[in-house]
Amino acid sequence: MARGARTNGVQVCTGLGAGNLGDELMAAAFWNHIAADVRLRVEAFEDYRNLGFTYPTRHDYQGASCEADLARAGVPGYAVGSTPVTELWGLGWPLQAITRRLRGFQQRSLPYHMVGIGVDAIEGEEARALFAEVLLDATSWTVRTESCRDALLDLGVAGERIQTGADWAWLYEPSHDHRDWAAAEWKSLGIDARRPLVVVNVVNEIWAHRDDVKRQIAGALDHLAREGLQVAFFCNEVRPGAYYDHAAALATQGFMAERSTIVAPGIHPLDRVLGLLSHATVTLSQRYHFTVESVLAGTVPVSIARGDKLSGLLAELGLPAAGTMDEQDGARLARQTLDTLDSRHATLAMLENRRAALRERAHLNLAFVPELRRAGSDR
């Protein structure tokens, strides 16, 4: 660790560096809102080197491994952001992975904090037993929503160890305005700045086989195109392969009759992502952080509920879900999107108020870890 650090600790990997822009957004906001003299050992997937992510030089980085003894340095552990408590994708990731990473802190009686994270309701007997092994003993929890808090109470966590904050991404502060760069980028893809644009993020993951849902979404996008909207797909998860967003975009695009374009998946600096989305008249989202990014960029998201976390986000934003990952009606989706366009200005004003409230709440993510706070902070 660097000399002069006010706090030494380990930032335990919850997805950082794997290729999901949401993980990068949360981490960037977290690092920008902790004290400048705090230096951490940060665990990140090795892809962060290959994909070109740029991280602050004041921290030390190591490759992520469930077998690594992260507690060997004798300093606290911090699991920051993401949704490490969920059984939506089975037990292996993220529940077993985070359990292995934190076990050493438990065995050494070192503090380990869950900082600004999401928690889904856990019903499976095996998943609940796994939670009880290590996570139940976590020193503290700051969580995104009241429903996350309720899920922890149901799992046996004492209420005094839980504080409701908000997702770290609400604290993200762009350092540059990339609207001009983004306008040129859209033009190079054949997008006319004078016409409305819908930017779409679709997800495969465990729903890769659901061609019926993709056909419904494609039908909705064709309807929107015939109403005068341009359609562009954006990958918020940039890894290649059938499991990820580019494959989902290609498959959905393949079911469309009208023209659309795909922004090539790759590592766009976060400010540029917001620049691209700032030109969208509306977005269509299947990812939590693509919805957040849409709000941060000043546009209106129409979001398809993907798990508890996106449903909870929509409730906090005051937006209706546009179906689910398993149930979709193309005509209804097109109608809801057009209705959103009709009420766009009022919705933008409402979202700005919700965004300000969530940003204020996100400062509470450091409620139990004063050693990380900026000097003079009263939060």
Protein backbone atom coordinates (compact mmCIF):
# COMPACT_ATOMS: atom_id res chain seq x y z
CA MET A 1 0.00 0.00 0.00
CA ALA A 2 1.11 3.54 -0.69
CA ARG A 3 2.77 5.40 2.17
CA GLY A 4 0.60 8.07 3.80
CA ALA A 5 -2.70 6.29 3.24
CA ARG A 6 -5.24 7.24 5.90
CA THR A 7 -7.04 3.92 5.50
CA ASN A 8 -5.88 0.65 4.08
CA GLY A 9 -8.48 -1.82 2.88
CA VAL A 10 -9.35 -4.32 0.20
CA GLN A 11 -12.06 -3.57 -2.37
CA VAL A 12 -13.44 -7.03 -3.03
CA CYS A 13 -14.48 -7.73 -6.62
CA THR A 14 -18.23 -7.71 -7.29
CA GLY A 15 -17.82 -7.57 -11.08
CA LEU A 16 -15.32 -4.79 -11.66
CA GLY A 17 -13.22 -5.15 -14.81
CA ALA A 18 -15.27 -7.89 -16.44
CA GLY A 19 -16.80 -5.77 -19.19
CA ASN A 20 -20.03 -4.38 -17.73
CA LEU A 21 -20.11 -0.58 -17.96
CA GLY A 22 -22.42 -0.44 -14.93
CA ASP A 23 -19.67 -1.85 -12.71
CA GLU A 24 -17.27 0.79 -14.01
CA LEU A 25 -19.79 3.58 -13.38
CA MET A 26 -20.30 2.52 -9.75
CA ALA A 27 -16.58 2.17 -9.10
CA ALA A 28 -15.77 5.55 -10.64
CA ALA A 29 -18.36 7.25 -8.42
CA PHE A 30 -17.14 5.40 -5.32
CA TRP A 31 -13.49 6.29 -5.90
CA ASN A 32 -14.38 9.93 -6.51
CA HIS A 33 -16.34 10.19 -3.24
CA ILE A 34 -13.91 8.65 -0.79
CA ALA A 35 -11.17 10.64 0.90
CA ALA A 36 -8.28 11.53 -1.40
CA ASP A 37 -5.70 9.96 0.94
CA VAL A 38 -7.52 6.63 1.12
CA ARG A 39 -5.73 3.98 -0.89
CA LEU A 40 -7.15 0.53 -1.47
CA ARG A 41 -6.04 -2.78 -2.87
CA VAL A 42 -8.65 -3.26 -5.57
CA GLU A 43 -9.55 -6.70 -6.88
CA ALA A 44 -10.69 -6.61 -10.52
CA PHE A 45 -11.18 -9.19 -13.25
CA GLU A 46 -8.14 -9.42 -15.49
CA ASP A 47 -10.21 -8.28 -18.47
CA TYR A 48 -9.81 -4.71 -17.21
CA ARG A 49 -6.28 -4.79 -18.66
CA ASN A 50 -7.36 -6.27 -21.99
CA LEU A 51 -10.44 -4.08 -22.37
CA GLY A 52 -8.60 -0.84 -21.69
CA PHE A 53 -10.28 0.33 -18.50
CA THR A 54 -8.39 3.22 -16.88
CA TYR A 55 -8.41 3.29 -13.08
CA PRO A 56 -7.01 5.81 -10.55
CA THR A 57 -3.29 5.36 -10.00
CA ARG A 58 -3.51 5.93 -6.24
CA HIS A 59 -4.95 2.42 -5.70
CA ASP A 60 -3.20 -0.92 -6.13
CA TYR A 61 -4.83 -3.56 -8.36
CA GLN A 62 -4.80 -7.32 -8.47
CA GLY A 63 -6.56 -9.92 -10.59
CA ALA A 64 -9.78 -11.35 -9.21
CA SER A 65 -9.70 -14.89 -7.86
CA CYS A 66 -12.10 -16.69 -5.56
CA GLU A 67 -9.12 -18.61 -4.21
CA ALA A 68 -7.06 -15.53 -3.25
CA ASP A 69 -6.63 -14.80 0.46
CA LEU A 70 -7.79 -11.19 0.36
CA ALA A 71 -7.65 -10.85 4.15
CA ARG A 72 -3.98 -11.74 4.52
CA ALA A 73 -2.93 -8.08 4.88
CA GLY A 74 -5.06 -7.74 8.01
CA VAL A 75 -7.09 -4.76 6.77
CA PRO A 76 -10.88 -4.36 6.32
CA GLY A 77 -12.73 -5.61 3.27
CA TYR A 78 -15.26 -3.60 1.26
CA ALA A 79 -17.69 -5.08 -1.26
CA VAL A 80 -18.70 -2.05 -3.31
CA GLY A 81 -21.71 -1.82 -5.61
CA SER A 82 -23.44 -4.38 -7.83
CA THR A 83 -25.95 -6.98 -6.55
CA PRO A 84 -23.92 -9.70 -4.83
CA VAL A 85 -26.97 -11.13 -3.06
CA THR A 86 -29.18 -12.73 -5.69
CA GLU A 87 -30.03 -16.22 -6.88
CA LEU A 88 -31.33 -15.15 -10.30
CA TRP A 89 -28.37 -16.72 -12.14
CA GLY A 90 -27.92 -19.64 -9.75
CA LEU A 91 -25.56 -20.00 -6.81
CA GLY A 92 -22.15 -19.83 -8.48
CA TRP A 93 -22.16 -16.15 -9.37
CA PRO A 94 -22.35 -13.96 -7.49
CA LEU A 95 -23.40 -15.59 -4.19
CA GLN A 96 -20.75 -18.31 -3.91
CA ALA A 97 -18.08 -16.03 -5.35
CA ILE A 98 -18.63 -13.24 -2.82
CA THR A 99 -18.86 -15.79 0.01
CA ARG A 100 -15.43 -17.20 -0.87
CA ARG A 101 -13.93 -13.73 -1.16
CA LEU A 102 -15.16 -12.63 2.27
CA ARG A 103 -14.57 -15.86 4.20
CA GLY A 104 -11.00 -14.93 5.11
CA PHE A 105 -12.12 -11.68 6.74
CA GLN A 106 -14.63 -13.62 8.82
CA GLN A 107 -12.05 -16.21 9.86
CA ARG A 108 -9.59 -13.50 10.92
CA SER A 109 -12.29 -11.50 12.74
CA LEU A 110 -11.63 -8.55 10.44
CA PRO A 111 -14.44 -6.12 9.54
CA TYR A 112 -16.01 -6.51 6.11
CA HIS A 113 -18.58 -4.03 4.86
CA MET A 114 -21.17 -4.23 2.08
CA VAL A 115 -21.11 -0.70 0.69
CA GLY A 116 -23.89 0.63 -1.56
CA ILE A 117 -24.97 -2.77 -2.86
CA GLY A 118 -28.16 -4.40 -4.11
CA VAL A 119 -29.94 -7.30 -2.41
CA ASP A 120 -32.63 -9.42 -4.05
CA ALA A 121 -35.16 -11.41 -2.07
CA ILE A 122 -33.70 -14.89 -1.52
CA GLU A 123 -36.14 -17.80 -1.34
CA GLY A 124 -34.14 -20.92 -2.16
CA GLU A 125 -33.15 -22.99 0.86
CA GLU A 126 -29.62 -23.59 -0.44
CA ALA A 127 -29.10 -19.91 -1.27
CA ARG A 128 -30.32 -18.83 2.18
CA ALA A 129 -27.97 -21.32 3.84
CA LEU A 130 -25.09 -19.99 1.74
CA PHE A 131 -25.91 -16.42 2.77
CA ALA A 132 -25.85 -17.46 6.44
CA GLU A 133 -22.32 -18.87 6.18
CA VAL A 134 -20.44 -15.56 5.78
CA LEU A 135 -22.64 -12.71 4.58
CA LEU A 136 -24.88 -12.81 7.64
CA ASP A 137 -21.83 -11.79 9.71
CA ALA A 138 -20.93 -8.78 7.57
CA THR A 139 -20.07 -5.80 9.75
CA SER A 140 -22.46 -3.43 7.99
CA TRP A 141 -24.72 -3.02 4.97
CA THR A 142 -25.63 0.06 2.98
CA VAL A 143 -28.14 -0.84 0.30
CA ARG A 144 -29.88 0.67 -2.70
CA THR A 145 -33.52 0.54 -1.62
CA GLU A 146 -35.94 -0.20 1.18
CA SER A 147 -36.80 -3.48 -0.56
CA CYS A 148 -33.11 -4.44 -0.29
CA ARG A 149 -33.30 -3.66 3.43
CA ASP A 150 -36.43 -5.80 3.76
CA ALA A 151 -34.67 -8.69 2.00
CA LEU A 152 -31.78 -8.48 4.48
CA LEU A 153 -34.12 -8.40 7.46
CA ASP A 154 -35.80 -11.52 6.09
CA LEU A 155 -32.36 -13.16 5.89
CA GLY A 156 -31.71 -12.41 9.58
CA VAL A 157 -29.50 -9.30 9.39
CA ALA A 158 -30.03 -7.00 12.37
CA GLY A 159 -31.71 -3.73 11.43
CA GLU A 160 -29.09 -1.58 13.18
CA ARG A 161 -26.47 -2.89 10.75
CA ILE A 162 -28.41 -1.71 7.67
CA GLN A 163 -28.71 1.77 6.16
CA THR A 164 -30.69 2.54 3.01
CA GLY A 165 -28.57 4.55 0.61
CA ALA A 166 -28.73 4.37 -3.19
CA ASP A 167 -26.78 3.08 -6.14
CA TRP A 168 -23.28 4.55 -6.40
CA ALA A 169 -23.89 5.57 -10.01
CA TRP A 170 -26.14 8.44 -8.92
CA LEU A 171 -23.01 10.15 -7.61
CA TYR A 172 -21.16 9.93 -10.92
CA GLU A 173 -19.87 13.33 -12.07
CA PRO A 174 -18.83 13.68 -15.74
CA SER A 175 -15.59 15.56 -16.18
CA HIS A 176 -16.17 16.39 -19.85
CA ASP A 177 -19.13 17.17 -22.10
CA HIS A 178 -18.95 14.82 -25.09
CA ARG A 179 -22.15 15.82 -26.89
CA ASP A 180 -20.21 17.18 -29.88
CA TRP A 181 -18.07 14.05 -30.12
CA ALA A 182 -21.21 11.93 -29.80
CA ALA A 183 -23.01 13.88 -32.54
CA ALA A 184 -20.16 13.10 -34.92
CA GLU A 185 -20.16 9.45 -33.83
CA TRP A 186 -23.90 9.11 -34.48
CA LYS A 187 -23.49 10.80 -37.86
CA SER A 188 -20.79 8.27 -38.81
CA LEU A 189 -23.34 5.53 -38.06
CA GLY A 190 -25.92 7.08 -40.33
CA ILE A 191 -28.04 8.70 -37.62
CA ASP A 192 -29.71 11.98 -38.61
CA ALA A 193 -29.59 14.47 -35.72
CA ARG A 194 -32.82 16.09 -36.94
CA ARG A 195 -34.87 12.91 -36.39
CA PRO A 196 -35.85 11.22 -33.10
CA LEU A 197 -33.67 8.34 -31.94
CA VAL A 198 -34.36 5.32 -29.75
CA VAL A 199 -31.22 3.69 -28.29
CA VAL A 200 -31.77 0.07 -27.28
CA ASN A 201 -29.88 -2.19 -24.87
CA VAL A 202 -30.95 -5.83 -25.03
CA VAL A 203 -29.58 -8.68 -22.93
CA ASN A 204 -29.08 -12.40 -23.55
CA GLU A 205 -27.68 -14.06 -20.41
CA ILE A 206 -30.10 -16.76 -19.22
CA TRP A 207 -32.71 -15.50 -21.69
CA ALA A 208 -30.60 -16.13 -24.81
CA HIS A 209 -33.04 -18.79 -26.02
CA ARG A 210 -36.07 -16.50 -25.84
CA ASP A 211 -36.43 -15.75 -29.55
CA ASP A 212 -40.15 -15.23 -28.97
CA VAL A 213 -39.40 -12.23 -26.75
CA LYS A 214 -36.80 -10.89 -29.19
CA ARG A 215 -39.36 -11.09 -32.01
CA GLN A 216 -41.81 -9.04 -29.95
CA ILE A 217 -39.17 -6.41 -29.22
CA ALA A 218 -38.15 -6.37 -32.90
CA GLY A 219 -41.79 -5.87 -33.87
CA ALA A 220 -42.05 -2.93 -31.45
CA LEU A 221 -38.89 -1.38 -32.89
CA ASP A 222 -40.21 -1.80 -36.45
CA HIS A 223 -43.39 -0.01 -35.35
CA LEU A 224 -41.34 2.84 -33.87
CA ALA A 225 -39.24 3.06 -37.04
CA ARG A 226 -42.38 3.38 -39.13
CA GLU A 227 -43.47 6.19 -36.80
CA GLY A 228 -40.28 8.06 -37.71
CA LEU A 229 -37.82 6.99 -35.00
CA GLN A 230 -34.31 5.85 -35.81
CA VAL A 231 -33.20 2.66 -34.02
CA ALA A 232 -29.70 2.07 -32.65
CA PHE A 233 -28.49 -0.73 -30.38
CA PHE A 234 -25.91 -0.10 -27.64
CA CYS A 235 -24.01 -2.75 -25.65
CA ASN A 236 -23.70 -1.92 -21.95
CA GLU A 237 -21.87 -5.23 -21.44
CA VAL A 238 -19.05 -5.33 -23.98
CA ARG A 239 -17.75 -8.90 -23.80
CA PRO A 240 -18.06 -11.08 -26.92
CA GLY A 241 -19.99 -14.33 -26.96
CA ALA A 242 -23.54 -15.64 -27.05
CA TYR A 243 -24.17 -14.71 -23.40
CA TYR A 244 -23.71 -10.97 -23.86
CA ASP A 245 -25.31 -7.85 -25.32
CA HIS A 246 -23.82 -7.79 -28.81
CA ALA A 247 -25.19 -11.24 -29.58
CA ALA A 248 -28.59 -10.16 -28.24
CA ALA A 249 -28.50 -7.02 -30.41
CA LEU A 250 -27.59 -8.98 -33.54
CA ALA A 251 -30.37 -11.51 -32.90
CA THR A 252 -33.01 -8.83 -32.26
CA GLN A 253 -31.86 -6.81 -35.26
CA GLY A 254 -32.14 -9.98 -37.36
CA PHE A 255 -35.86 -10.18 -36.58
CA MET A 256 -36.45 -6.57 -37.69
CA ALA A 257 -37.75 -5.52 -41.09
CA GLU A 258 -36.82 -1.85 -40.74
CA ARG A 259 -33.32 -0.36 -40.71
CA SER A 260 -31.30 -0.18 -37.49
CA THR A 261 -27.67 0.22 -36.49
CA ILE A 262 -25.45 -1.18 -33.72
CA VAL A 263 -22.81 0.84 -31.90
CA ALA A 264 -19.77 -1.43 -32.02
CA PRO A 265 -19.22 -2.93 -28.55
CA GLY A 266 -16.10 -1.62 -26.89
CA ILE A 267 -14.83 0.38 -23.98
CA HIS A 268 -16.20 3.87 -24.31
CA PRO A 269 -15.11 6.29 -21.58
CA LEU A 270 -18.10 6.78 -19.30
CA ASP A 271 -18.47 10.45 -20.23
CA ARG A 272 -18.71 9.43 -23.88
CA VAL A 273 -21.42 6.88 -23.07
CA LEU A 274 -23.45 9.67 -21.48
CA GLY A 275 -22.69 11.83 -24.51
CA LEU A 276 -24.08 9.20 -26.85
CA LEU A 277 -27.21 8.70 -24.77
CA SER A 278 -27.80 12.44 -24.48
CA HIS A 279 -28.79 12.39 -28.16
CA ALA A 280 -31.44 9.72 -27.59
CA THR A 281 -35.05 10.88 -27.62
CA VAL A 282 -35.88 7.75 -25.62
CA THR A 283 -34.05 4.58 -24.63
CA LEU A 284 -35.25 0.99 -24.35
CA SER A 285 -33.45 -0.83 -21.56
CA GLN A 286 -33.04 -4.32 -20.13
CA ARG A 287 -30.16 -3.38 -17.80
CA TYR A 288 -30.26 -1.57 -14.47
CA HIS A 289 -27.36 0.72 -15.23
CA PHE A 290 -28.39 1.44 -18.80
CA THR A 291 -31.57 2.85 -17.27
CA VAL A 292 -29.50 4.86 -14.77
CA GLU A 293 -27.19 6.09 -17.54
CA SER A 294 -30.22 7.21 -19.54
CA VAL A 295 -31.42 9.35 -16.64
CA LEU A 296 -27.92 10.73 -16.03
CA ALA A 297 -27.72 11.63 -19.73
CA GLY A 298 -30.98 13.55 -19.57
CA THR A 299 -33.20 11.26 -21.58
CA VAL A 300 -36.22 9.08 -20.79
CA PRO A 301 -35.84 5.30 -20.39
CA VAL A 302 -38.49 2.70 -21.16
CA SER A 303 -37.32 -0.34 -19.18
CA ILE A 304 -38.17 -4.02 -19.33
CA ALA A 305 -38.10 -5.51 -15.82
CA ARG A 306 -35.06 -7.79 -15.41
CA GLY A 307 -35.07 -9.15 -11.88
CA ASP A 308 -35.86 -7.49 -8.58
CA LYS A 309 -33.22 -4.80 -8.95
CA LEU A 310 -34.60 -3.24 -12.14
CA SER A 311 -38.17 -3.53 -10.86
CA GLY A 312 -37.08 -1.74 -7.68
CA LEU A 313 -35.27 0.96 -9.66
CA LEU A 314 -38.37 1.64 -11.77
CA ALA A 315 -40.49 1.96 -8.63
CA GLU A 316 -38.05 4.53 -7.23
CA LEU A 317 -38.02 6.46 -10.51
CA GLY A 318 -41.81 6.41 -10.74
CA LEU A 319 -41.74 4.64 -14.10
CA PRO A 320 -43.86 1.65 -15.19
CA ALA A 321 -42.18 -1.58 -16.30
CA ALA A 322 -42.53 -2.38 -19.99
CA GLY A 323 -43.14 -6.09 -19.54
CA THR A 324 -40.56 -8.59 -18.33
CA MET A 325 -37.72 -10.65 -19.78
CA ASP A 326 -40.10 -13.60 -20.13
CA GLU A 327 -43.33 -11.86 -21.12
CA GLN A 328 -43.43 -9.30 -23.89
CA ASP A 329 -46.10 -7.89 -26.20
CA GLY A 330 -44.62 -5.94 -29.08
CA ALA A 331 -47.71 -3.83 -29.76
CA ARG A 332 -47.98 -2.86 -26.10
CA LEU A 333 -44.26 -2.07 -25.90
CA ALA A 334 -44.50 0.20 -28.95
CA ARG A 335 -47.55 1.93 -27.48
CA GLN A 336 -45.85 2.51 -24.13
CA THR A 337 -42.77 3.94 -25.85
CA LEU A 338 -44.88 6.33 -27.95
CA ASP A 339 -46.84 7.36 -24.86
CA THR A 340 -43.52 8.07 -23.14
CA LEU A 341 -42.54 10.32 -26.03
CA ASP A 342 -45.83 12.21 -25.73
CA SER A 343 -45.17 12.93 -22.03
CA ARG A 344 -41.40 13.30 -22.38
CA HIS A 345 -40.99 16.83 -21.00
CA ALA A 346 -43.06 16.16 -17.88
CA THR A 347 -41.27 12.85 -17.33
CA LEU A 348 -37.85 14.50 -17.64
CA ALA A 349 -38.79 17.01 -14.95
CA MET A 350 -40.00 14.22 -12.67
CA LEU A 351 -36.84 12.19 -13.28
CA GLU A 352 -34.62 15.15 -12.44
CA ASN A 353 -36.31 15.38 -9.03
CA ARG A 354 -35.96 11.63 -8.45
CA ARG A 355 -32.33 11.75 -9.54
CA ALA A 356 -31.55 14.53 -7.04
CA ALA A 357 -33.19 12.56 -4.21
CA LEU A 358 -31.27 9.38 -5.10
CA ARG A 359 -28.02 11.31 -5.33
CA GLU A 360 -28.62 12.70 -1.86
CA ARG A 361 -29.36 9.22 -0.52
CA ALA A 362 -26.25 7.75 -2.17
CA HIS A 363 -24.07 9.80 0.19
CA LEU A 364 -25.39 7.53 2.97
CA ASN A 365 -23.50 4.61 1.41
CA LEU A 366 -20.54 5.52 3.64
CA ALA A 367 -22.65 5.70 6.81
CA PHE A 368 -20.84 2.79 8.51
CA VAL A 369 -17.34 3.46 7.16
CA PRO A 370 -16.31 6.94 8.36
CA GLU A 371 -12.70 6.00 7.69
CA LEU A 372 -13.43 6.27 3.96
CA ARG A 373 -15.21 9.62 4.01
CA ARG A 374 -13.82 12.86 2.72
CA ALA A 375 -12.42 15.18 5.37
CA GLY A 376 -15.11 17.41 6.81
CA SER A 377 -17.95 15.33 5.42
CA ASP A 378 -20.93 15.11 7.75
CA ARG A 379 -22.51 12.23 5.85
